[in-house]
Amino acid sequence: DRQPIAISGTTVRWMEFGTTPLAEPFFYHTVTRLREETPPARELETDLEAVLRVGGQHAVVPPLGFIFHISRCWSTLIANPLKLSRGSLIVSEARPITQLFLPYSDPSAYLADRWTQMRRMLLNSLFSIFAHYNSTDAKPLIIKFMSINTLCMSTIRSFWPQVPCIVVIRDPVEVIVGNLTGGGLMSYKTDPAMACEMFGWQCSPTHVENMANEEFCAKVVGQYLETALHERGENCRVVDYEDINAGKIHDIAAFFKIEFSPESDILDKVLGSYAKDPTGRRQFEDDRARKQRSATSSVRDEAKRWATPAYASLRTESA
């Protein structure tokens, strides 16, 4: 079973997954594991048209649900348990989907208006390919986006207005503390010019480069929250990290209309595991108190300046 694993410009990279299930917390975890096997899974490259050809072998499969989030907010605590649903497939932060929403790097290949149309066709093809993963029949599909895709909610929801979605939020102070440890949002600061383009900031790359890390994280988190606040619309629910429990998972599954009735002890075991650990051995730790204690005055000031107002408005809608 060959799956697309990355899109760069007009080139698509594929990997042979065989019968490997998408059981890990993230799509890239599965890719990494297959690359580390002996022998490693075979990979090949094609042009974008190959995605359309492969996806065109199946009917268009609209996803049953979308999961948006604001980074380091434990959205994986929702995605992982949903993988216990019968017959459904949860595709978590697959790079090909994310990359189709990044600023297009080769405008000479596709004019802007043509690219918008092509992107929608490619996404429909990707959804169909994923929905038929290891099966001739389409599975109910849930797509969990990367946090950067929250900025594209308007476009995504305009393509699929009937698909229900949730937005996972968390106290911005805790989100900022989580990102300041490295990776996550901080990875975007390593390329200031790209950051300006991705976030639509009217400033110079030098300004971004010299920006304090606390301010950078707070501005990005605030932008995610503001986007969610203005673009959520109908058929969209807000879920705060503080409210995630077994009952909430059942509510979300019902909202997405997927068959979800795992044994309570199995669900508790999944919720009790560290959500980002692909081995499932590490225990989950509620880190709210620790992150609040470690938040500096600078973190709190920048959170209040850029992110807290939008979070407070969204928080009133979470239930």
C-alpha atoms as a PDB file:
ATOM      1  CA  ASP A   1       0.000   0.000   0.000  1.00  0.00           C
ATOM      2  CA  ARG A   2       1.824   3.104  -1.256  1.00  0.00           C
ATOM      3  CA  GLN A   3       1.109   6.396   0.525  1.00  0.00           C
ATOM      4  CA  PRO A   4       2.222   9.990  -0.126  1.00  0.00           C
ATOM      5  CA  ILE A   5       4.466  11.182   2.713  1.00  0.00           C
ATOM      6  CA  ALA A   6       5.673  14.611   1.538  1.00  0.00           C
ATOM      7  CA  ILE A   7       5.018  17.260  -1.093  1.00  0.00           C
ATOM      8  CA  SER A   8       7.680  19.772  -2.075  1.00  0.00           C
ATOM      9  CA  GLY A   9       6.863  22.130  -4.910  1.00  0.00           C
ATOM     10  CA  THR A  10       5.638  19.891  -7.719  1.00  0.00           C
ATOM     11  CA  THR A  11       7.307  16.739  -6.358  1.00  0.00           C
ATOM     12  CA  VAL A  12       5.557  14.079  -4.282  1.00  0.00           C
ATOM     13  CA  ARG A  13       7.403  11.494  -2.199  1.00  0.00           C
ATOM     14  CA  TRP A  14       5.697   8.131  -1.649  1.00  0.00           C
ATOM     15  CA  MET A  15       6.427   5.236   0.702  1.00  0.00           C
ATOM     16  CA  GLU A  16       5.306   1.623   0.663  1.00  0.00           C
ATOM     17  CA  PHE A  17       3.492   1.113   3.970  1.00  0.00           C
ATOM     18  CA  GLY A  18       2.404  -2.463   3.311  1.00  0.00           C
ATOM     19  CA  THR A  19      -0.118  -3.469   5.970  1.00  0.00           C
ATOM     20  CA  THR A  20       1.348  -1.191   8.664  1.00  0.00           C
ATOM     21  CA  PRO A  21      -1.473   0.455  10.657  1.00  0.00           C
ATOM     22  CA  LEU A  22      -1.441   4.177  11.394  1.00  0.00           C
ATOM     23  CA  ALA A  23      -1.384   3.462  15.112  1.00  0.00           C
ATOM     24  CA  GLU A  24       1.279   5.937  16.262  1.00  0.00           C
ATOM     25  CA  PRO A  25       0.312   9.385  17.572  1.00  0.00           C
ATOM     26  CA  PHE A  26       1.569  11.139  14.422  1.00  0.00           C
ATOM     27  CA  PHE A  27       1.803  10.203  10.753  1.00  0.00           C
ATOM     28  CA  TYR A  28       5.535  10.936  10.743  1.00  0.00           C
ATOM     29  CA  HIS A  29       6.039   8.420  13.591  1.00  0.00           C
ATOM     30  CA  THR A  30       4.881   5.677  11.228  1.00  0.00           C
ATOM     31  CA  VAL A  31       7.096   7.014   8.439  1.00  0.00           C
ATOM     32  CA  THR A  32      10.109   7.092  10.771  1.00  0.00           C
ATOM     33  CA  ARG A  33       9.488   3.546  12.007  1.00  0.00           C
ATOM     34  CA  LEU A  34       9.239   2.196   8.460  1.00  0.00           C
ATOM     35  CA  ARG A  35      12.466   3.948   7.490  1.00  0.00           C
ATOM     36  CA  GLU A  36      14.247   2.334  10.441  1.00  0.00           C
ATOM     37  CA  GLU A  37      13.144  -1.195   9.585  1.00  0.00           C
ATOM     38  CA  THR A  38      15.506  -3.678   7.943  1.00  0.00           C
ATOM     39  CA  PRO A  39      15.226  -3.322   5.032  1.00  0.00           C
ATOM     40  CA  PRO A  40      13.664   0.149   5.103  1.00  0.00           C
ATOM     41  CA  ALA A  41      10.398   0.720   3.293  1.00  0.00           C
ATOM     42  CA  ARG A  42      10.797   1.594  -0.364  1.00  0.00           C
ATOM     43  CA  GLU A  43      10.310   5.234  -1.385  1.00  0.00           C
ATOM     44  CA  LEU A  44       9.921   6.935  -4.751  1.00  0.00           C
ATOM     45  CA  GLU A  45       9.153  10.352  -6.163  1.00  0.00           C
ATOM     46  CA  THR A  46       6.576  11.464  -8.731  1.00  0.00           C
ATOM     47  CA  ASP A  47       4.978  14.672  -9.905  1.00  0.00           C
ATOM     48  CA  LEU A  48       1.759  16.119  -8.437  1.00  0.00           C
ATOM     49  CA  GLU A  49      -0.343  14.599 -11.196  1.00  0.00           C
ATOM     50  CA  ALA A  50       0.303  11.147  -9.731  1.00  0.00           C
ATOM     51  CA  VAL A  51      -1.705  12.107  -6.630  1.00  0.00           C
ATOM     52  CA  LEU A  52      -4.645  13.021  -8.837  1.00  0.00           C
ATOM     53  CA  ARG A  53      -4.342   9.786 -10.808  1.00  0.00           C
ATOM     54  CA  VAL A  54      -4.196   7.559  -7.722  1.00  0.00           C
ATOM     55  CA  GLY A  55      -6.893   9.478  -5.881  1.00  0.00           C
ATOM     56  CA  GLY A  56      -9.044   9.486  -9.004  1.00  0.00           C
ATOM     57  CA  GLN A  57      -9.293   5.705  -8.824  1.00  0.00           C
ATOM     58  CA  HIS A  58     -11.716   6.207  -5.924  1.00  0.00           C
ATOM     59  CA  ALA A  59     -14.792   8.312  -5.355  1.00  0.00           C
ATOM     60  CA  VAL A  60     -14.290  11.588  -3.479  1.00  0.00           C
ATOM     61  CA  VAL A  61     -14.410  10.864   0.262  1.00  0.00           C
ATOM     62  CA  PRO A  62     -15.325  13.898   2.404  1.00  0.00           C
ATOM     63  CA  PRO A  63     -13.825  13.500   5.901  1.00  0.00           C
ATOM     64  CA  LEU A  64     -16.146  12.999   8.848  1.00  0.00           C
ATOM     65  CA  GLY A  65     -14.310  15.568  10.923  1.00  0.00           C
ATOM     66  CA  PHE A  66     -11.430  18.012  11.223  1.00  0.00           C
ATOM     67  CA  ILE A  67      -9.301  18.691  14.310  1.00  0.00           C
ATOM     68  CA  PHE A  68      -7.592  22.087  14.554  1.00  0.00           C
ATOM     69  CA  HIS A  69      -5.378  23.153  17.464  1.00  0.00           C
ATOM     70  CA  ILE A  70      -2.977  25.846  18.667  1.00  0.00           C
ATOM     71  CA  SER A  71       0.226  23.783  19.288  1.00  0.00           C
ATOM     72  CA  ARG A  72       1.350  22.044  22.482  1.00  0.00           C
ATOM     73  CA  CYS A  73      -2.241  21.976  23.731  1.00  0.00           C
ATOM     74  CA  TRP A  74      -2.561  18.157  23.899  1.00  0.00           C
ATOM     75  CA  SER A  75      -4.818  17.729  20.888  1.00  0.00           C
ATOM     76  CA  THR A  76      -3.225  14.276  20.677  1.00  0.00           C
ATOM     77  CA  LEU A  77      -5.206  13.428  23.826  1.00  0.00           C
ATOM     78  CA  ILE A  78      -8.250  13.575  21.554  1.00  0.00           C
ATOM     79  CA  ALA A  79      -6.828  12.053  18.382  1.00  0.00           C
ATOM     80  CA  ASN A  80      -5.285   8.982  20.051  1.00  0.00           C
ATOM     81  CA  PRO A  81      -8.466   7.718  21.780  1.00  0.00           C
ATOM     82  CA  LEU A  82     -10.485   8.273  18.593  1.00  0.00           C
ATOM     83  CA  LYS A  83      -8.266   5.643  16.971  1.00  0.00           C
ATOM     84  CA  LEU A  84     -10.188   3.122  19.087  1.00  0.00           C
ATOM     85  CA  SER A  85     -13.278   3.756  16.956  1.00  0.00           C
ATOM     86  CA  ARG A  86     -14.471   0.874  14.814  1.00  0.00           C
ATOM     87  CA  GLY A  87     -13.433   1.101  11.183  1.00  0.00           C
ATOM     88  CA  SER A  88     -12.424   4.758  11.294  1.00  0.00           C
ATOM     89  CA  LEU A  89      -9.043   6.154  10.318  1.00  0.00           C
ATOM     90  CA  ILE A  90      -7.397   9.097  12.103  1.00  0.00           C
ATOM     91  CA  VAL A  91      -4.701  10.777  10.011  1.00  0.00           C
ATOM     92  CA  SER A  92      -2.699  12.944  12.374  1.00  0.00           C
ATOM     93  CA  GLU A  93      -0.628  15.833  10.997  1.00  0.00           C
ATOM     94  CA  ALA A  94       0.334  14.199   7.703  1.00  0.00           C
ATOM     95  CA  ARG A  95       2.969  16.333   5.997  1.00  0.00           C
ATOM     96  CA  PRO A  96       1.443  16.209   2.497  1.00  0.00           C
ATOM     97  CA  ILE A  97      -1.747  17.836   3.771  1.00  0.00           C
ATOM     98  CA  THR A  98       0.125  20.462   5.772  1.00  0.00           C
ATOM     99  CA  GLN A  99       2.467  21.297   2.920  1.00  0.00           C
ATOM    100  CA  LEU A 100      -0.380  22.041   0.523  1.00  0.00           C
ATOM    101  CA  PHE A 101      -1.300  25.007   2.738  1.00  0.00           C
ATOM    102  CA  LEU A 102       2.188  26.472   3.050  1.00  0.00           C
ATOM    103  CA  PRO A 103       3.104  29.461   0.860  1.00  0.00           C
ATOM    104  CA  TYR A 104       3.592  28.012  -2.605  1.00  0.00           C
ATOM    105  CA  SER A 105       7.291  28.147  -3.477  1.00  0.00           C
ATOM    106  CA  ASP A 106       7.146  27.951  -7.271  1.00  0.00           C
ATOM    107  CA  PRO A 107       4.566  30.383  -8.683  1.00  0.00           C
ATOM    108  CA  SER A 108       5.938  29.839 -12.183  1.00  0.00           C
ATOM    109  CA  ALA A 109       4.539  26.303 -12.123  1.00  0.00           C
ATOM    110  CA  TYR A 110       0.995  27.281 -11.149  1.00  0.00           C
ATOM    111  CA  LEU A 111      -0.622  30.689 -11.301  1.00  0.00           C
ATOM    112  CA  ALA A 112      -2.376  31.650  -8.071  1.00  0.00           C
ATOM    113  CA  ASP A 113      -5.899  31.020  -9.340  1.00  0.00           C
ATOM    114  CA  ARG A 114      -4.975  27.699 -10.883  1.00  0.00           C
ATOM    115  CA  TRP A 115      -3.140  26.673  -7.706  1.00  0.00           C
ATOM    116  CA  THR A 116      -6.260  27.240  -5.587  1.00  0.00           C
ATOM    117  CA  GLN A 117      -8.230  24.896  -7.819  1.00  0.00           C
ATOM    118  CA  MET A 118      -5.384  22.385  -8.039  1.00  0.00           C
ATOM    119  CA  ARG A 119      -4.903  22.370  -4.267  1.00  0.00           C
ATOM    120  CA  ARG A 120      -8.534  21.455  -3.664  1.00  0.00           C
ATOM    121  CA  MET A 121      -8.287  18.619  -6.186  1.00  0.00           C
ATOM    122  CA  LEU A 122      -5.087  17.376  -4.565  1.00  0.00           C
ATOM    123  CA  LEU A 123      -6.620  17.456  -1.098  1.00  0.00           C
ATOM    124  CA  ASN A 124      -9.661  15.512  -2.279  1.00  0.00           C
ATOM    125  CA  SER A 125      -7.289  12.957  -3.799  1.00  0.00           C
ATOM    126  CA  LEU A 126      -5.229  12.745  -0.600  1.00  0.00           C
ATOM    127  CA  PHE A 127      -8.373  12.222   1.463  1.00  0.00           C
ATOM    128  CA  SER A 128      -9.496   9.435  -0.879  1.00  0.00           C
ATOM    129  CA  ILE A 129      -6.065   7.783  -0.787  1.00  0.00           C
ATOM    130  CA  PHE A 130      -5.946   7.893   3.012  1.00  0.00           C
ATOM    131  CA  ALA A 131      -9.564   6.739   3.369  1.00  0.00           C
ATOM    132  CA  HIS A 132      -8.728   3.609   1.353  1.00  0.00           C
ATOM    133  CA  TYR A 133      -5.616   2.874   3.407  1.00  0.00           C
ATOM    134  CA  ASN A 134      -5.191  -0.922   3.468  1.00  0.00           C
ATOM    135  CA  SER A 135      -8.749  -1.361   2.231  1.00  0.00           C
ATOM    136  CA  THR A 136     -10.760  -1.430  -0.981  1.00  0.00           C
ATOM    137  CA  ASP A 137     -13.611   0.230   0.898  1.00  0.00           C
ATOM    138  CA  ALA A 138     -13.442   3.803   2.150  1.00  0.00           C
ATOM    139  CA  LYS A 139     -13.060   4.213   5.906  1.00  0.00           C
ATOM    140  CA  PRO A 140     -14.603   7.086   7.884  1.00  0.00           C
ATOM    141  CA  LEU A 141     -11.782   9.621   7.950  1.00  0.00           C
ATOM    142  CA  ILE A 142     -10.795  12.172  10.606  1.00  0.00           C
ATOM    143  CA  ILE A 143      -8.075  14.673   9.707  1.00  0.00           C
ATOM    144  CA  LYS A 144      -5.992  16.255  12.459  1.00  0.00           C
ATOM    145  CA  PHE A 145      -4.130  19.246  11.068  1.00  0.00           C
ATOM    146  CA  MET A 146      -0.877  20.751  12.251  1.00  0.00           C
ATOM    147  CA  SER A 147      -1.259  23.909  14.297  1.00  0.00           C
ATOM    148  CA  ILE A 148      -0.074  26.109  11.397  1.00  0.00           C
ATOM    149  CA  ASN A 149      -3.108  24.966   9.394  1.00  0.00           C
ATOM    150  CA  THR A 150      -5.366  26.724  11.894  1.00  0.00           C
ATOM    151  CA  LEU A 151      -4.507  29.883   9.948  1.00  0.00           C
ATOM    152  CA  CYS A 152      -6.142  28.234   6.924  1.00  0.00           C
ATOM    153  CA  MET A 153      -9.467  27.492   8.613  1.00  0.00           C
ATOM    154  CA  SER A 154     -11.329  29.840   6.302  1.00  0.00           C
ATOM    155  CA  THR A 155     -10.038  28.098   3.172  1.00  0.00           C
ATOM    156  CA  ILE A 156     -10.472  24.593   4.547  1.00  0.00           C
ATOM    157  CA  ARG A 157     -13.998  25.266   5.770  1.00  0.00           C
ATOM    158  CA  SER A 158     -14.938  26.904   2.466  1.00  0.00           C
ATOM    159  CA  PHE A 159     -13.870  23.720   0.674  1.00  0.00           C
ATOM    160  CA  TRP A 160     -15.800  21.442   3.043  1.00  0.00           C
ATOM    161  CA  PRO A 161     -18.398  23.559   4.889  1.00  0.00           C
ATOM    162  CA  GLN A 162     -20.443  20.527   5.962  1.00  0.00           C
ATOM    163  CA  VAL A 163     -17.559  18.737   7.694  1.00  0.00           C
ATOM    164  CA  PRO A 164     -17.785  19.213  11.484  1.00  0.00           C
ATOM    165  CA  CYS A 165     -14.648  20.405  13.201  1.00  0.00           C
ATOM    166  CA  ILE A 166     -13.265  21.025  16.645  1.00  0.00           C
ATOM    167  CA  VAL A 167     -10.655  23.543  17.761  1.00  0.00           C
ATOM    168  CA  VAL A 168      -8.511  22.470  20.712  1.00  0.00           C
ATOM    169  CA  ILE A 169      -7.321  25.353  22.889  1.00  0.00           C
ATOM    170  CA  ARG A 170      -5.365  25.782  26.091  1.00  0.00           C
ATOM    171  CA  ASP A 171      -4.263  28.552  28.437  1.00  0.00           C
ATOM    172  CA  PRO A 172      -1.789  30.545  26.296  1.00  0.00           C
ATOM    173  CA  VAL A 173       0.680  30.801  29.170  1.00  0.00           C
ATOM    174  CA  GLU A 174       1.018  27.019  29.221  1.00  0.00           C
ATOM    175  CA  VAL A 175       1.199  26.809  25.417  1.00  0.00           C
ATOM    176  CA  ILE A 176       3.983  29.394  25.294  1.00  0.00           C
ATOM    177  CA  VAL A 177       5.966  27.659  28.047  1.00  0.00           C
ATOM    178  CA  GLY A 178       5.624  24.373  26.171  1.00  0.00           C
ATOM    179  CA  ASN A 179       6.952  25.876  22.942  1.00  0.00           C
ATOM    180  CA  LEU A 180       9.863  27.746  24.499  1.00  0.00           C
ATOM    181  CA  THR A 181      11.547  24.416  25.228  1.00  0.00           C
ATOM    182  CA  GLY A 182      12.285  24.070  21.512  1.00  0.00           C
ATOM    183  CA  GLY A 183      10.707  22.752  18.342  1.00  0.00           C
ATOM    184  CA  GLY A 184       7.041  23.493  17.800  1.00  0.00           C
ATOM    185  CA  LEU A 185       6.391  27.158  17.085  1.00  0.00           C
ATOM    186  CA  MET A 186      10.029  28.067  17.702  1.00  0.00           C
ATOM    187  CA  SER A 187      11.036  26.155  14.564  1.00  0.00           C
ATOM    188  CA  TYR A 188       9.355  28.863  12.467  1.00  0.00           C
ATOM    189  CA  LYS A 189      11.620  31.536  13.964  1.00  0.00           C
ATOM    190  CA  THR A 190      14.676  29.852  12.419  1.00  0.00           C
ATOM    191  CA  ASP A 191      13.545  31.179   9.016  1.00  0.00           C
ATOM    192  CA  PRO A 192      12.399  34.767   9.692  1.00  0.00           C
ATOM    193  CA  ALA A 193      11.568  35.511   6.039  1.00  0.00           C
ATOM    194  CA  MET A 194       9.336  32.470   5.802  1.00  0.00           C
ATOM    195  CA  ALA A 195       7.747  33.354   9.160  1.00  0.00           C
ATOM    196  CA  CYS A 196       6.791  36.786   7.823  1.00  0.00           C
ATOM    197  CA  GLU A 197       5.169  35.134   4.806  1.00  0.00           C
ATOM    198  CA  MET A 198       3.433  32.356   6.717  1.00  0.00           C
ATOM    199  CA  PHE A 199       1.959  34.628   9.360  1.00  0.00           C
ATOM    200  CA  GLY A 200       1.329  37.587   7.070  1.00  0.00           C
ATOM    201  CA  TRP A 201       3.394  39.926   9.243  1.00  0.00           C
ATOM    202  CA  GLN A 202       4.196  43.322   7.745  1.00  0.00           C
ATOM    203  CA  CYS A 203       7.671  43.520   9.188  1.00  0.00           C
ATOM    204  CA  SER A 204      11.219  42.716   8.134  1.00  0.00           C
ATOM    205  CA  PRO A 205      12.844  39.308   8.698  1.00  0.00           C
ATOM    206  CA  THR A 206      15.413  41.142  10.847  1.00  0.00           C
ATOM    207  CA  HIS A 207      12.619  42.308  13.142  1.00  0.00           C
ATOM    208  CA  VAL A 208      11.423  38.715  13.561  1.00  0.00           C
ATOM    209  CA  GLU A 209      14.962  37.490  14.128  1.00  0.00           C
ATOM    210  CA  ASN A 210      15.462  40.047  16.920  1.00  0.00           C
ATOM    211  CA  MET A 211      12.064  39.420  18.488  1.00  0.00           C
ATOM    212  CA  ALA A 212      12.137  37.896  21.969  1.00  0.00           C
ATOM    213  CA  ASN A 213      11.118  34.250  21.929  1.00  0.00           C
ATOM    214  CA  GLU A 214       8.298  34.931  24.382  1.00  0.00           C
ATOM    215  CA  GLU A 215       6.831  37.602  22.123  1.00  0.00           C
ATOM    216  CA  PHE A 216       7.225  35.447  19.015  1.00  0.00           C
ATOM    217  CA  CYS A 217       5.377  32.505  20.581  1.00  0.00           C
ATOM    218  CA  ALA A 218       2.675  34.720  22.050  1.00  0.00           C
ATOM    219  CA  LYS A 219       2.042  36.450  18.715  1.00  0.00           C
ATOM    220  CA  VAL A 220       1.710  33.137  16.877  1.00  0.00           C
ATOM    221  CA  VAL A 221      -0.536  31.583  19.532  1.00  0.00           C
ATOM    222  CA  GLY A 222      -2.644  34.737  19.570  1.00  0.00           C
ATOM    223  CA  GLN A 223      -2.949  34.616  15.792  1.00  0.00           C
ATOM    224  CA  TYR A 224      -4.110  31.002  15.959  1.00  0.00           C
ATOM    225  CA  LEU A 225      -6.696  31.880  18.609  1.00  0.00           C
ATOM    226  CA  GLU A 226      -7.921  34.980  16.757  1.00  0.00           C
ATOM    227  CA  THR A 227      -8.307  32.948  13.569  1.00  0.00           C
ATOM    228  CA  ALA A 228     -10.278  30.259  15.376  1.00  0.00           C
ATOM    229  CA  LEU A 229     -12.445  32.897  17.033  1.00  0.00           C
ATOM    230  CA  HIS A 230     -13.400  34.508  13.734  1.00  0.00           C
ATOM    231  CA  GLU A 231     -13.515  31.464  11.451  1.00  0.00           C
ATOM    232  CA  ARG A 232     -15.083  28.730  13.581  1.00  0.00           C
ATOM    233  CA  GLY A 233     -18.617  29.307  12.250  1.00  0.00           C
ATOM    234  CA  GLU A 234     -21.357  26.713  12.345  1.00  0.00           C
ATOM    235  CA  ASN A 235     -20.718  23.031  12.948  1.00  0.00           C
ATOM    236  CA  CYS A 236     -17.549  23.831  14.885  1.00  0.00           C
ATOM    237  CA  ARG A 237     -16.924  23.224  18.578  1.00  0.00           C
ATOM    238  CA  VAL A 238     -14.258  24.535  20.925  1.00  0.00           C
ATOM    239  CA  VAL A 239     -12.582  22.070  23.285  1.00  0.00           C
ATOM    240  CA  ASP A 240     -10.322  23.279  26.083  1.00  0.00           C
ATOM    241  CA  TYR A 241      -7.525  21.032  27.302  1.00  0.00           C
ATOM    242  CA  GLU A 242      -8.892  21.395  30.829  1.00  0.00           C
ATOM    243  CA  ASP A 243     -12.089  19.622  29.804  1.00  0.00           C
ATOM    244  CA  ILE A 244     -10.621  16.559  28.076  1.00  0.00           C
ATOM    245  CA  ASN A 245     -11.734  13.331  29.719  1.00  0.00           C
ATOM    246  CA  ALA A 246     -13.406  10.066  28.729  1.00  0.00           C
ATOM    247  CA  GLY A 247     -16.840  11.673  28.563  1.00  0.00           C
ATOM    248  CA  LYS A 248     -15.538  14.452  26.302  1.00  0.00           C
ATOM    249  CA  ILE A 249     -13.975  11.894  23.939  1.00  0.00           C
ATOM    250  CA  HIS A 250     -17.338  10.144  23.623  1.00  0.00           C
ATOM    251  CA  ASP A 251     -19.005  13.501  22.922  1.00  0.00           C
ATOM    252  CA  ILE A 252     -16.491  14.312  20.170  1.00  0.00           C
ATOM    253  CA  ALA A 253     -16.907  10.888  18.584  1.00  0.00           C
ATOM    254  CA  ALA A 254     -20.673  11.393  18.534  1.00  0.00           C
ATOM    255  CA  PHE A 255     -20.179  14.872  17.050  1.00  0.00           C
ATOM    256  CA  PHE A 256     -18.089  13.332  14.248  1.00  0.00           C
ATOM    257  CA  LYS A 257     -20.645  10.515  13.892  1.00  0.00           C
ATOM    258  CA  ILE A 258     -18.114   7.709  14.191  1.00  0.00           C
ATOM    259  CA  GLU A 259     -18.799   4.380  15.869  1.00  0.00           C
ATOM    260  CA  PHE A 260     -17.086   4.617  19.227  1.00  0.00           C
ATOM    261  CA  SER A 261     -17.678   2.159  22.056  1.00  0.00           C
ATOM    262  CA  PRO A 262     -14.343   0.956  23.456  1.00  0.00           C
ATOM    263  CA  GLU A 263     -14.159  -0.777  26.809  1.00  0.00           C
ATOM    264  CA  SER A 264     -13.782   1.825  29.541  1.00  0.00           C
ATOM    265  CA  ASP A 265     -10.526   0.307  30.815  1.00  0.00           C
ATOM    266  CA  ILE A 266      -8.985   0.461  27.325  1.00  0.00           C
ATOM    267  CA  LEU A 267     -10.036   4.085  26.902  1.00  0.00           C
ATOM    268  CA  ASP A 268      -8.675   4.926  30.356  1.00  0.00           C
ATOM    269  CA  LYS A 269      -5.376   3.253  29.449  1.00  0.00           C
ATOM    270  CA  VAL A 270      -5.029   5.350  26.284  1.00  0.00           C
ATOM    271  CA  LEU A 271      -5.899   8.548  28.145  1.00  0.00           C
ATOM    272  CA  GLY A 272      -3.414   7.590  30.855  1.00  0.00           C
ATOM    273  CA  SER A 273      -0.525   7.256  28.407  1.00  0.00           C
ATOM    274  CA  TYR A 274       1.720  10.090  27.270  1.00  0.00           C
ATOM    275  CA  ALA A 275      -0.091  11.024  24.071  1.00  0.00           C
ATOM    276  CA  LYS A 276       3.019  11.755  21.973  1.00  0.00           C
ATOM    277  CA  ASP A 277       4.908   8.577  22.891  1.00  0.00           C
ATOM    278  CA  PRO A 278       4.708   6.156  19.935  1.00  0.00           C
ATOM    279  CA  THR A 279       5.573   3.221  22.229  1.00  0.00           C
ATOM    280  CA  GLY A 280       2.653   3.911  24.584  1.00  0.00           C
ATOM    281  CA  ARG A 281       4.836   3.097  27.611  1.00  0.00           C
ATOM    282  CA  ARG A 282       5.268   6.552  29.089  1.00  0.00           C
ATOM    283  CA  GLN A 283       2.569   7.688  31.505  1.00  0.00           C
ATOM    284  CA  PHE A 284       0.588  10.870  30.964  1.00  0.00           C
ATOM    285  CA  GLU A 285       1.342  13.753  33.321  1.00  0.00           C
ATOM    286  CA  ASP A 286      -0.954  16.733  33.759  1.00  0.00           C
ATOM    287  CA  ASP A 287       1.620  19.494  33.383  1.00  0.00           C
ATOM    288  CA  ARG A 288      -0.608  22.534  33.959  1.00  0.00           C
ATOM    289  CA  ALA A 289       0.695  23.350  37.446  1.00  0.00           C
ATOM    290  CA  ARG A 290       4.323  22.836  36.441  1.00  0.00           C
ATOM    291  CA  LYS A 291       4.030  25.109  33.405  1.00  0.00           C
ATOM    292  CA  GLN A 292       2.217  27.788  35.381  1.00  0.00           C
ATOM    293  CA  ARG A 293       4.991  27.734  37.997  1.00  0.00           C
ATOM    294  CA  SER A 294       7.728  28.007  35.380  1.00  0.00           C
ATOM    295  CA  ALA A 295       6.079  30.861  33.454  1.00  0.00           C
ATOM    296  CA  THR A 296       8.145  34.032  33.749  1.00  0.00           C
ATOM    297  CA  SER A 297       6.673  37.504  34.017  1.00  0.00           C
ATOM    298  CA  SER A 298       7.685  38.046  30.394  1.00  0.00           C
ATOM    299  CA  VAL A 299       5.673  35.011  29.305  1.00  0.00           C
ATOM    300  CA  ARG A 300       2.633  36.229  31.226  1.00  0.00           C
ATOM    301  CA  ASP A 301       2.947  39.780  29.885  1.00  0.00           C
ATOM    302  CA  GLU A 302       3.244  38.668  26.260  1.00  0.00           C
ATOM    303  CA  ALA A 303       0.400  36.164  26.649  1.00  0.00           C
ATOM    304  CA  LYS A 304      -1.822  38.888  28.064  1.00  0.00           C
ATOM    305  CA  ARG A 305      -0.820  41.274  25.294  1.00  0.00           C
ATOM    306  CA  TRP A 306      -1.274  38.965  22.306  1.00  0.00           C
ATOM    307  CA  ALA A 307      -3.298  35.859  23.178  1.00  0.00           C
ATOM    308  CA  THR A 308      -5.349  35.947  26.372  1.00  0.00           C
ATOM    309  CA  PRO A 309      -8.305  38.025  25.082  1.00  0.00           C
ATOM    310  CA  ALA A 310      -9.054  35.650  22.198  1.00  0.00           C
ATOM    311  CA  TYR A 311      -8.545  32.641  24.467  1.00  0.00           C
ATOM    312  CA  ALA A 312     -11.006  34.044  27.006  1.00  0.00           C
ATOM    313  CA  SER A 313     -13.629  34.522  24.290  1.00  0.00           C
ATOM    314  CA  LEU A 314     -13.169  30.997  22.957  1.00  0.00           C
ATOM    315  CA  ARG A 315     -13.097  29.553  26.463  1.00  0.00           C
ATOM    316  CA  THR A 316     -16.672  30.769  27.061  1.00  0.00           C
ATOM    317  CA  GLU A 317     -17.770  28.567  24.136  1.00  0.00           C
ATOM    318  CA  SER A 318     -16.031  25.373  25.233  1.00  0.00           C
ATOM    319  CA  ALA A 319     -18.188  22.853  27.005  1.00  0.00           C
END
